Amino acid sequence: MAKKKTVFLCQDCGYDSPKWMGKCPGCNKWNTMVEEIIQPDKGHRRSFQTGNPTSQKPEPITQIKSEKEPRIDTRINELNRVLGGGVVPGSLVLVGGDPGIGKSTLLLQASAKLAESSQRVLYISGEESIKQTKLRAQRLGINHDQLYVHAETDMDLIEKAIQDIKPTLLIIDSIQTVYRSEVTSAPGSVSQVRECTSQFMRISKTNGIATFIVGHVTKEGSIAGPRLLEHMVDAVLYFEGERHHTYRILRAVKNRFGSTNEIGVFEMKEAGLEEVENPSEVFLEERSNGAAGSAIVASMEGTRPVLVEIQALVSPTSFGNPRRMGNGIDHNKVSLLMAVLEKRVGLLMQNQDAYVNVAGGVRLDEPAIDLAIAMSIASSFRDQPTNPTDVFIGEIGLTGEVRRVSRVEQRVHEVAKLGFKRVILPEKNIGGWTVPKGIEVVGVATVQEALRHTQGG
């Protein structure tokens, strides 16, 4: 009889050690090493194939027939956009987000849409009873006989329910509550999460069932459990947004079947989540004209251009080291652009605190937002408002040059739709595309030139 093996596993990153350590060498976190018993294998693990089950040997890639995989329409356009056009049968999708952000609401609404189109859906709830799920469904106006709800956390019983129902879509809410009886550790531990996810992957790929798994997040905002979890699944979606704001953003950080730059925008209402078809209007609706420190940028989120307001507040510091803070952008970018404005433009900012905010709760990380950030900082520093009908696009280099950006034509067309009159963008992006009527395009080569066009110097 094989002996049981005891190891110490980090509950954050999955690092294993034969002895206990106070600090995990893998993620440098303290007091995350937990003792777990590794059961010996009782036999060979079952294998599964995602393709032709009759094919038992490797094939040359030139002889493999490529077939376009049909996608399942969720009938929620924003969710379809993030997934790359719909749900791929047999795919495994991990959805993460802060507690109460709306993960379960979104998946329950998607389940109802699929049930209405005669697709059988199985919703496994490990955190709520059947009656609690029913109450939430009633609040959302969901009631369909093709939507099956099961409150269970035992992996063996869940697998039996899947075999009985044979659903098109399977939802697990959440993976941290599911356990396998063969694994001795508690539900939510590294071993349980790894084993249960592996089992769901086998079920999903073997039977062609599209599976959504809800994952808890840590206080830093990353998916809880081993990093291996994100590697195993086909797509990782993050549901973002402030709990005190009604708008939510669904963002793909990994997608084997589509782009990882797409976002879906929703508004949380009493009857559930509603799609926001034009996010630019939402992010600009509360903008105050004539206020110093405000600039509009046309940012690309995947294939969708989004107009967002960037706000800056620059004030003399009361401390030895001035503060640099960014909400919705990297604060290091704020420090870098302020250094460029001081060195290349001559704005004395070494004794100024700077606070930069992206209005609406959206997070921007592309280089094309640099020019708008610099213009908002300069506007607040000089206390001179920018023109309310101007939009800024461009990347800024350390020598003060404004560098070329991608997909300018799409950005400018979105600007025209929302009634803006002038776009200030990199000189290298001028030409080769059609400028919409009523829009003036101004090309600039340096930050100094952009400031001359906006604030007269």
Protein backbone atom coordinates (compact mmCIF):
# COMPACT_ATOMS: atom_id res chain seq x y z
CA MET A 1 0.00 0.00 0.00
CA ALA A 2 1.37 3.39 -1.05
CA LYS A 3 2.16 5.85 1.72
CA LYS A 4 0.39 9.19 1.96
CA LYS A 5 2.52 12.20 1.20
CA THR A 6 2.26 15.45 3.14
CA VAL A 7 3.22 18.74 1.50
CA PHE A 8 2.77 22.41 2.30
CA LEU A 9 0.99 24.35 -0.45
CA CYS A 10 0.78 28.12 -0.86
CA GLN A 11 -2.91 29.09 -1.08
CA ASP A 12 -2.09 32.09 -3.29
CA CYS A 13 0.27 30.79 -5.96
CA GLY A 14 0.31 26.98 -5.50
CA TYR A 15 4.00 26.69 -4.57
CA ASP A 16 4.65 23.39 -2.76
CA SER A 17 7.31 22.57 -0.20
CA PRO A 18 8.09 19.45 1.87
CA LYS A 19 8.32 21.65 5.01
CA TRP A 20 6.46 24.63 6.38
CA MET A 21 7.82 28.11 5.69
CA GLY A 22 6.54 31.41 7.01
CA LYS A 23 7.11 33.20 3.70
CA CYS A 24 6.28 31.61 0.34
CA PRO A 25 9.30 31.69 -2.03
CA GLY A 26 6.94 31.75 -5.03
CA CYS A 27 4.86 34.88 -4.33
CA ASN A 28 6.65 36.30 -1.26
CA LYS A 29 3.42 36.25 0.80
CA TRP A 30 3.47 35.52 4.52
CA ASN A 31 1.49 32.76 6.30
CA THR A 32 0.00 31.26 3.12
CA MET A 33 1.60 27.78 3.41
CA VAL A 34 -1.01 25.18 4.45
CA GLU A 35 -0.42 21.48 5.08
CA GLU A 36 -2.22 19.14 2.67
CA ILE A 37 -2.20 15.38 2.21
CA ILE A 38 -1.56 14.15 -1.33
CA GLN A 39 -3.41 10.91 -1.97
CA PRO A 40 -1.56 8.34 -4.09
CA ASP A 41 -3.08 7.59 -7.51
CA LYS A 42 -5.29 4.49 -7.45
CA GLY A 43 -4.86 3.97 -11.14
CA HIS A 44 -4.26 5.70 -14.42
CA ARG A 45 -6.12 8.93 -14.99
CA ARG A 46 -8.69 8.94 -17.75
CA SER A 47 -7.65 10.81 -20.86
CA PHE A 48 -9.91 12.77 -23.13
CA GLN A 49 -9.77 14.03 -26.70
CA THR A 50 -11.23 17.23 -28.05
CA GLY A 51 -11.25 16.13 -31.66
CA ASN A 52 -12.05 12.94 -33.56
CA PRO A 53 -12.27 10.09 -31.00
CA THR A 54 -11.24 7.52 -33.64
CA SER A 55 -7.92 9.25 -34.22
CA GLN A 56 -5.37 7.58 -31.94
CA LYS A 57 -2.13 8.75 -33.51
CA PRO A 58 -0.47 12.07 -34.40
CA GLU A 59 -1.39 13.56 -37.79
CA PRO A 60 0.45 16.05 -40.02
CA ILE A 61 -1.12 19.48 -39.65
CA THR A 62 -1.49 19.68 -43.44
CA GLN A 63 -3.89 16.70 -43.39
CA ILE A 64 -6.10 17.97 -40.58
CA LYS A 65 -9.38 19.38 -41.86
CA SER A 66 -10.24 22.78 -40.43
CA GLU A 67 -13.87 23.31 -39.57
CA LYS A 68 -15.37 26.57 -38.42
CA GLU A 69 -16.67 26.03 -34.90
CA PRO A 70 -20.29 27.16 -34.58
CA ARG A 71 -20.79 29.62 -31.74
CA ILE A 72 -23.73 29.83 -29.37
CA ASP A 73 -25.41 33.23 -29.42
CA THR A 74 -25.98 34.39 -25.83
CA ARG A 75 -28.34 37.11 -27.10
CA ILE A 76 -26.37 39.60 -24.99
CA ASN A 77 -24.37 41.60 -27.54
CA GLU A 78 -21.82 42.95 -25.06
CA LEU A 79 -21.06 39.44 -23.78
CA ASN A 80 -20.82 38.11 -27.33
CA ARG A 81 -18.36 40.89 -28.20
CA VAL A 82 -16.02 40.05 -25.31
CA LEU A 83 -16.15 36.31 -26.08
CA GLY A 84 -15.29 36.93 -29.74
CA GLY A 85 -18.73 36.43 -31.28
CA GLY A 86 -20.45 34.01 -28.93
CA VAL A 87 -19.79 30.96 -26.77
CA VAL A 88 -17.75 28.15 -28.34
CA PRO A 89 -19.16 24.67 -27.52
CA GLY A 90 -16.77 22.73 -25.30
CA SER A 91 -15.00 25.89 -24.07
CA LEU A 92 -14.16 26.59 -20.43
CA VAL A 93 -14.54 30.24 -19.37
CA LEU A 94 -13.45 31.66 -16.00
CA VAL A 95 -15.30 34.78 -14.76
CA GLY A 96 -13.78 36.78 -11.88
CA GLY A 97 -14.64 39.99 -10.08
CA ASP A 98 -15.19 41.63 -6.72
CA PRO A 99 -18.01 40.37 -4.47
CA GLY A 100 -21.35 41.91 -5.39
CA ILE A 101 -20.12 43.29 -8.71
CA GLY A 102 -22.70 41.28 -10.73
CA LYS A 103 -21.02 38.05 -11.88
CA SER A 104 -23.89 35.77 -10.87
CA THR A 105 -26.47 38.24 -12.21
CA LEU A 106 -24.80 38.36 -15.63
CA LEU A 107 -24.53 34.58 -15.91
CA LEU A 108 -28.10 34.03 -14.72
CA GLN A 109 -29.35 36.52 -17.34
CA ALA A 110 -27.26 34.78 -20.04
CA SER A 111 -28.71 31.44 -18.89
CA ALA A 112 -32.24 32.79 -19.27
CA LYS A 113 -31.53 34.10 -22.79
CA LEU A 114 -30.20 30.71 -23.88
CA ALA A 115 -33.10 28.87 -22.23
CA GLU A 116 -35.52 31.07 -24.17
CA SER A 117 -33.84 29.96 -27.41
CA SER A 118 -34.47 26.27 -26.51
CA GLN A 119 -30.94 25.63 -25.19
CA ARG A 120 -30.78 23.51 -22.05
CA VAL A 121 -28.85 25.22 -19.26
CA LEU A 122 -27.68 23.81 -15.91
CA TYR A 123 -26.88 26.35 -13.19
CA ILE A 124 -24.90 24.82 -10.30
CA SER A 125 -25.01 27.03 -7.21
CA GLY A 126 -22.60 26.27 -4.42
CA GLU A 127 -23.26 29.46 -2.47
CA GLU A 128 -27.06 29.72 -2.56
CA SER A 129 -29.93 27.34 -2.02
CA ILE A 130 -32.41 26.61 -4.81
CA LYS A 131 -34.99 28.91 -3.18
CA GLN A 132 -32.49 31.77 -2.92
CA THR A 133 -31.61 31.38 -6.61
CA LYS A 134 -35.31 31.33 -7.44
CA LEU A 135 -35.85 34.60 -5.54
CA ARG A 136 -33.02 36.24 -7.46
CA ALA A 137 -34.42 34.91 -10.74
CA GLN A 138 -37.84 36.36 -9.91
CA ARG A 139 -36.30 39.76 -9.26
CA LEU A 140 -34.67 39.57 -12.69
CA GLY A 141 -37.87 38.35 -14.35
CA ILE A 142 -36.39 34.94 -15.24
CA ASN A 143 -38.66 31.90 -15.49
CA HIS A 144 -38.13 29.14 -18.06
CA ASP A 145 -38.40 25.36 -17.95
CA GLN A 146 -35.14 24.87 -19.91
CA LEU A 147 -33.15 26.47 -17.09
CA TYR A 148 -32.25 23.88 -14.44
CA VAL A 149 -30.92 24.94 -11.02
CA HIS A 150 -29.02 22.61 -8.71
CA ALA A 151 -27.51 23.50 -5.32
CA GLU A 152 -24.58 21.11 -4.88
CA THR A 153 -20.87 21.21 -4.05
CA ASP A 154 -19.88 17.51 -4.32
CA MET A 155 -18.07 16.96 -7.61
CA ASP A 156 -19.39 13.40 -8.03
CA LEU A 157 -23.02 14.49 -7.60
CA ILE A 158 -22.50 17.45 -9.95
CA GLU A 159 -21.12 15.10 -12.61
CA LYS A 160 -24.17 12.84 -12.22
CA ALA A 161 -26.50 15.84 -12.64
CA ILE A 162 -24.64 16.83 -15.82
CA GLN A 163 -25.06 13.32 -17.23
CA ASP A 164 -28.81 13.37 -16.44
CA ILE A 165 -29.56 16.87 -17.80
CA LYS A 166 -27.08 16.92 -20.73
CA PRO A 167 -26.98 20.73 -20.90
CA THR A 168 -25.68 22.94 -23.70
CA LEU A 169 -24.38 25.45 -21.16
CA LEU A 170 -23.06 24.69 -17.66
CA ILE A 171 -22.47 27.37 -15.01
CA ILE A 172 -20.52 26.70 -11.81
CA ASP A 173 -20.98 29.36 -9.13
CA SER A 174 -18.36 29.16 -7.72
CA ILE A 175 -15.34 26.89 -8.19
CA GLN A 176 -14.09 27.66 -4.64
CA THR A 177 -17.12 25.86 -3.14
CA VAL A 178 -16.81 22.62 -5.15
CA TYR A 179 -14.84 19.70 -3.72
CA ARG A 180 -13.83 16.14 -4.54
CA SER A 181 -14.13 13.61 -1.73
CA GLU A 182 -10.86 11.90 -2.78
CA VAL A 183 -8.92 15.09 -1.98
CA THR A 184 -8.54 15.56 1.77
CA SER A 185 -8.05 19.34 1.79
CA ALA A 186 -10.89 21.83 2.35
CA PRO A 187 -12.97 23.32 -0.50
CA GLY A 188 -11.25 26.35 -2.02
CA SER A 189 -7.73 25.05 -1.37
CA VAL A 190 -5.18 24.79 -4.15
CA SER A 191 -5.58 21.03 -4.51
CA GLN A 192 -9.39 21.15 -4.63
CA VAL A 193 -9.54 24.01 -7.13
CA ARG A 194 -6.98 22.34 -9.39
CA GLU A 195 -8.63 18.92 -9.31
CA CYS A 196 -12.20 20.18 -9.74
CA THR A 197 -11.27 22.51 -12.61
CA SER A 198 -9.44 19.64 -14.32
CA GLN A 199 -12.58 17.51 -13.97
CA PHE A 200 -14.81 20.24 -15.42
CA MET A 201 -12.37 20.64 -18.30
CA ARG A 202 -12.61 16.94 -19.07
CA ILE A 203 -16.42 17.01 -18.95
CA SER A 204 -16.57 20.15 -21.08
CA LYS A 205 -14.18 18.95 -23.81
CA THR A 206 -15.52 15.38 -23.95
CA ASN A 207 -19.21 16.29 -24.16
CA GLY A 208 -18.97 19.61 -25.99
CA ILE A 209 -20.57 21.53 -23.10
CA ALA A 210 -19.77 25.23 -22.86
CA THR A 211 -18.86 25.85 -19.21
CA PHE A 212 -18.65 29.10 -17.24
CA ILE A 213 -16.81 28.98 -13.91
CA VAL A 214 -17.13 31.80 -11.38
CA GLY A 215 -13.92 32.42 -9.44
CA HIS A 216 -13.38 34.44 -6.28
CA VAL A 217 -10.76 37.17 -6.27
CA THR A 218 -8.17 38.14 -3.68
CA LYS A 219 -8.03 41.56 -2.03
CA GLU A 220 -5.52 42.60 -4.73
CA GLY A 221 -8.15 41.83 -7.38
CA SER A 222 -6.59 38.73 -8.99
CA ILE A 223 -8.28 35.34 -9.29
CA ALA A 224 -7.96 33.40 -6.03
CA GLY A 225 -6.26 30.01 -6.11
CA PRO A 226 -3.33 28.69 -8.14
CA ARG A 227 -2.18 30.56 -11.25
CA LEU A 228 -2.57 27.22 -13.01
CA LEU A 229 -6.34 27.83 -12.97
CA GLU A 230 -6.03 30.66 -15.50
CA HIS A 231 -3.75 28.57 -17.71
CA MET A 232 -6.20 25.65 -17.85
CA VAL A 233 -9.27 27.55 -19.04
CA ASP A 234 -9.90 28.86 -22.57
CA ALA A 235 -10.91 32.38 -21.56
CA VAL A 236 -10.58 34.58 -18.48
CA LEU A 237 -13.08 37.42 -18.06
CA TYR A 238 -12.88 40.10 -15.36
CA PHE A 239 -15.98 41.99 -14.26
CA GLU A 240 -14.81 45.46 -13.19
CA GLY A 241 -16.42 48.57 -11.76
CA GLU A 242 -16.98 50.47 -8.56
CA ARG A 243 -19.73 49.11 -6.33
CA HIS A 244 -20.92 52.68 -5.77
CA HIS A 245 -21.28 53.30 -9.52
CA THR A 246 -23.92 51.68 -11.69
CA TYR A 247 -21.65 50.95 -14.67
CA ARG A 248 -19.79 47.65 -15.04
CA ILE A 249 -17.09 46.67 -17.53
CA LEU A 250 -16.51 43.09 -18.67
CA ARG A 251 -12.96 42.66 -19.94
CA ALA A 252 -11.20 39.63 -21.44
CA VAL A 253 -7.61 39.13 -20.28
CA LYS A 254 -7.27 35.77 -22.02
CA ASN A 255 -9.28 34.37 -24.93
CA ARG A 256 -8.27 31.48 -27.16
CA PHE A 257 -11.19 32.15 -29.49
CA GLY A 258 -11.12 35.94 -29.84
CA SER A 259 -9.43 39.23 -29.01
CA THR A 260 -8.24 40.06 -25.50
CA ASN A 261 -8.77 43.80 -26.00
CA GLU A 262 -12.57 43.86 -26.19
CA ILE A 263 -14.74 45.25 -23.42
CA GLY A 264 -18.46 45.03 -22.72
CA VAL A 265 -20.21 47.82 -20.84
CA PHE A 266 -23.27 47.21 -18.66
CA GLU A 267 -25.39 49.29 -16.32
CA MET A 268 -26.64 47.73 -13.10
CA LYS A 269 -30.33 48.45 -12.54
CA GLU A 270 -33.00 47.06 -10.26
CA ALA A 271 -34.08 44.54 -12.90
CA GLY A 272 -30.50 43.37 -13.55
CA LEU A 273 -27.73 44.32 -15.95
CA GLU A 274 -28.58 46.28 -19.09
CA GLU A 275 -26.26 46.68 -22.07
CA VAL A 276 -24.77 50.09 -22.83
CA GLU A 277 -24.61 50.37 -26.62
CA ASN A 278 -22.75 53.71 -26.73
CA PRO A 279 -20.29 53.90 -23.80
CA SER A 280 -18.84 57.22 -25.00
CA GLU A 281 -22.07 59.07 -24.25
CA VAL A 282 -22.17 57.51 -20.79
CA PHE A 283 -18.61 58.51 -19.90
CA LEU A 284 -19.11 62.09 -21.11
CA GLU A 285 -22.65 62.83 -19.92
CA GLU A 286 -21.59 64.55 -16.67
CA ARG A 287 -18.70 66.54 -18.12
CA SER A 288 -18.57 70.20 -17.05
CA ASN A 289 -17.54 72.62 -19.80
CA GLY A 290 -15.09 75.39 -19.04
CA ALA A 291 -13.33 73.60 -16.16
CA ALA A 292 -9.54 73.59 -16.16
CA GLY A 293 -7.83 70.20 -16.02
CA SER A 294 -10.19 68.31 -18.34
CA ALA A 295 -9.34 66.67 -21.70
CA ILE A 296 -11.12 64.16 -23.93
CA VAL A 297 -9.36 61.16 -25.45
CA ALA A 298 -10.52 58.63 -28.05
CA SER A 299 -9.23 55.30 -26.73
CA MET A 300 -9.46 51.96 -28.53
CA GLU A 301 -10.86 49.06 -26.52
CA GLY A 302 -10.45 46.16 -28.94
CA THR A 303 -12.36 47.09 -32.09
CA ARG A 304 -14.46 49.72 -30.31
CA PRO A 305 -13.40 53.38 -29.99
CA VAL A 306 -14.47 54.91 -26.66
CA LEU A 307 -14.37 58.61 -25.79
CA VAL A 308 -13.42 59.22 -22.17
CA GLU A 309 -12.80 62.32 -20.07
CA ILE A 310 -9.45 62.57 -18.29
CA GLN A 311 -9.37 64.94 -15.33
CA ALA A 312 -6.29 66.38 -13.62
CA LEU A 313 -5.81 68.44 -10.48
CA VAL A 314 -2.40 70.07 -9.95
CA SER A 315 -1.76 72.02 -6.76
CA PRO A 316 1.30 73.13 -4.72
CA THR A 317 2.51 70.46 -2.35
CA SER A 318 2.59 70.77 1.43
CA PHE A 319 5.17 67.99 1.81
CA GLY A 320 8.79 67.44 0.92
CA ASN A 321 7.93 64.89 -1.77
CA PRO A 322 5.04 65.82 -4.08
CA ARG A 323 2.34 63.19 -4.60
CA ARG A 324 1.54 61.59 -7.94
CA MET A 325 -1.73 59.67 -8.01
CA GLY A 326 -3.65 58.06 -10.88
CA ASN A 327 -7.14 56.55 -10.84
CA GLY A 328 -7.86 54.45 -13.94
CA ILE A 329 -4.30 54.83 -15.25
CA ASP A 330 -0.83 53.85 -14.06
CA HIS A 331 0.47 56.47 -11.62
CA ASN A 332 3.98 55.95 -13.05
CA LYS A 333 2.70 57.33 -16.35
CA VAL A 334 1.62 60.50 -14.52
CA SER A 335 5.14 60.98 -13.12
CA LEU A 336 6.72 60.34 -16.52
CA LEU A 337 4.51 62.82 -18.39
CA MET A 338 5.01 65.49 -15.72
CA ALA A 339 8.78 65.07 -16.11
CA VAL A 340 8.41 65.53 -19.89
CA LEU A 341 6.31 68.69 -19.40
CA GLU A 342 8.91 70.12 -17.02
CA LYS A 343 11.96 69.27 -19.12
CA ARG A 344 10.64 69.84 -22.66
CA VAL A 345 7.98 72.51 -22.14
CA GLY A 346 9.36 74.40 -19.13
CA LEU A 347 6.44 73.93 -16.72
CA LEU A 348 7.86 73.95 -13.17
CA MET A 349 6.15 70.94 -11.59
CA GLN A 350 8.71 69.61 -9.15
CA ASN A 351 6.84 71.18 -6.20
CA GLN A 352 3.32 70.29 -7.40
CA ASP A 353 0.99 67.49 -6.29
CA ALA A 354 -0.84 65.85 -9.23
CA TYR A 355 -4.02 63.77 -9.18
CA VAL A 356 -5.26 62.28 -12.45
CA ASN A 357 -8.61 60.52 -12.81
CA VAL A 358 -10.35 58.70 -15.67
CA ALA A 359 -14.04 59.62 -15.33
CA GLY A 360 -16.64 56.86 -15.33
CA GLY A 361 -14.61 54.14 -13.60
CA VAL A 362 -13.01 52.81 -16.81
CA ARG A 363 -9.32 51.81 -16.85
CA LEU A 364 -7.10 52.90 -19.75
CA ASP A 365 -3.68 51.42 -20.51
CA GLU A 366 -2.90 52.16 -24.16
CA PRO A 367 -0.15 54.64 -25.23
CA ALA A 368 -2.56 56.83 -27.25
CA ILE A 369 -3.91 58.44 -24.05
CA ASP A 370 -0.59 60.17 -23.25
CA LEU A 371 -1.39 63.43 -25.06
CA ALA A 372 -4.75 63.85 -23.32
CA ILE A 373 -3.15 63.25 -19.90
CA ALA A 374 -0.43 65.83 -20.62
CA MET A 375 -3.00 68.39 -21.83
CA SER A 376 -5.18 67.93 -18.74
CA ILE A 377 -2.16 68.31 -16.41
CA ALA A 378 -0.97 71.45 -18.24
CA SER A 379 -4.52 72.85 -18.24
CA SER A 380 -4.84 72.45 -14.48
CA PHE A 381 -1.33 73.80 -13.81
CA ARG A 382 -2.00 76.96 -15.86
CA ASP A 383 -5.64 77.14 -14.76
CA GLN A 384 -6.66 77.49 -18.41
CA PRO A 385 -9.46 75.19 -19.68
CA THR A 386 -9.05 73.32 -22.96
CA ASN A 387 -11.52 73.81 -25.77
CA PRO A 388 -14.59 71.66 -24.89
CA THR A 389 -14.93 70.53 -28.54
CA ASP A 390 -11.32 69.24 -28.79
CA VAL A 391 -10.21 65.61 -28.62
CA PHE A 392 -6.58 64.55 -28.07
CA ILE A 393 -4.93 61.40 -29.44
CA GLY A 394 -1.24 60.53 -29.35
CA GLU A 395 1.67 58.82 -27.61
CA ILE A 396 4.36 60.99 -26.02
CA GLY A 397 8.04 60.06 -26.06
CA LEU A 398 10.66 61.10 -23.52
CA THR A 399 12.07 63.73 -25.89
CA GLY A 400 8.66 65.42 -26.08
CA GLU A 401 7.67 64.11 -29.52
CA VAL A 402 4.09 63.01 -30.27
CA ARG A 403 4.27 59.56 -31.82
CA ARG A 404 2.01 57.73 -34.26
CA VAL A 405 -0.93 55.63 -32.97
CA SER A 406 -3.07 52.93 -34.59
CA ARG A 407 -6.66 52.99 -35.93
CA VAL A 408 -6.89 56.77 -36.17
CA GLU A 409 -9.71 56.71 -38.72
CA GLN A 410 -12.02 54.72 -36.42
CA ARG A 411 -11.27 57.05 -33.51
CA VAL A 412 -11.99 60.20 -35.55
CA HIS A 413 -15.28 58.81 -36.89
CA GLU A 414 -16.41 58.16 -33.30
CA VAL A 415 -15.42 61.75 -32.44
CA ALA A 416 -17.57 63.04 -35.32
CA LYS A 417 -20.60 61.03 -34.19
CA LEU A 418 -20.55 62.69 -30.76
CA GLY A 419 -20.42 66.26 -32.07
CA PHE A 420 -16.81 67.27 -31.41
CA LYS A 421 -15.21 69.72 -33.85
CA ARG A 422 -11.44 69.26 -33.70
CA VAL A 423 -9.00 66.39 -33.22
CA ILE A 424 -5.37 66.98 -32.27
CA LEU A 425 -3.30 63.94 -33.21
CA PRO A 426 0.24 62.95 -34.31
CA GLU A 427 1.53 64.56 -37.49
CA LYS A 428 2.58 61.15 -38.82
CA ASN A 429 -1.06 60.00 -38.75
CA ILE A 430 -2.21 62.70 -41.18
CA GLY A 431 -3.19 61.44 -44.65
CA GLY A 432 -4.20 58.12 -46.14
CA TRP A 433 -7.73 58.09 -44.70
CA THR A 434 -11.00 59.96 -45.04
CA VAL A 435 -11.74 62.80 -42.61
CA PRO A 436 -15.46 63.05 -41.68
CA LYS A 437 -17.35 66.23 -42.55
CA GLY A 438 -17.35 68.92 -39.88
CA ILE A 439 -14.14 67.71 -38.24
CA GLU A 440 -10.88 69.67 -38.25
CA VAL A 441 -7.78 67.48 -37.95
CA VAL A 442 -4.63 69.11 -36.55
CA GLY A 443 -1.32 67.27 -36.74
CA VAL A 444 1.34 68.00 -34.11
CA ALA A 445 4.91 66.78 -33.82
CA THR A 446 5.70 67.82 -30.23
CA VAL A 447 3.99 68.49 -26.93
CA GLN A 448 4.90 72.21 -27.22
CA GLU A 449 3.06 72.38 -30.53
CA ALA A 450 -0.02 70.72 -29.06
CA LEU A 451 -0.05 73.22 -26.19
CA ARG A 452 0.19 76.15 -28.63
CA HIS A 453 -2.91 74.90 -30.44
CA THR A 454 -4.90 74.49 -27.21
CA GLN A 455 -3.74 77.15 -24.77
CA GLY A 456 -1.86 79.69 -26.84
CA GLY A 457 1.65 78.85 -25.76
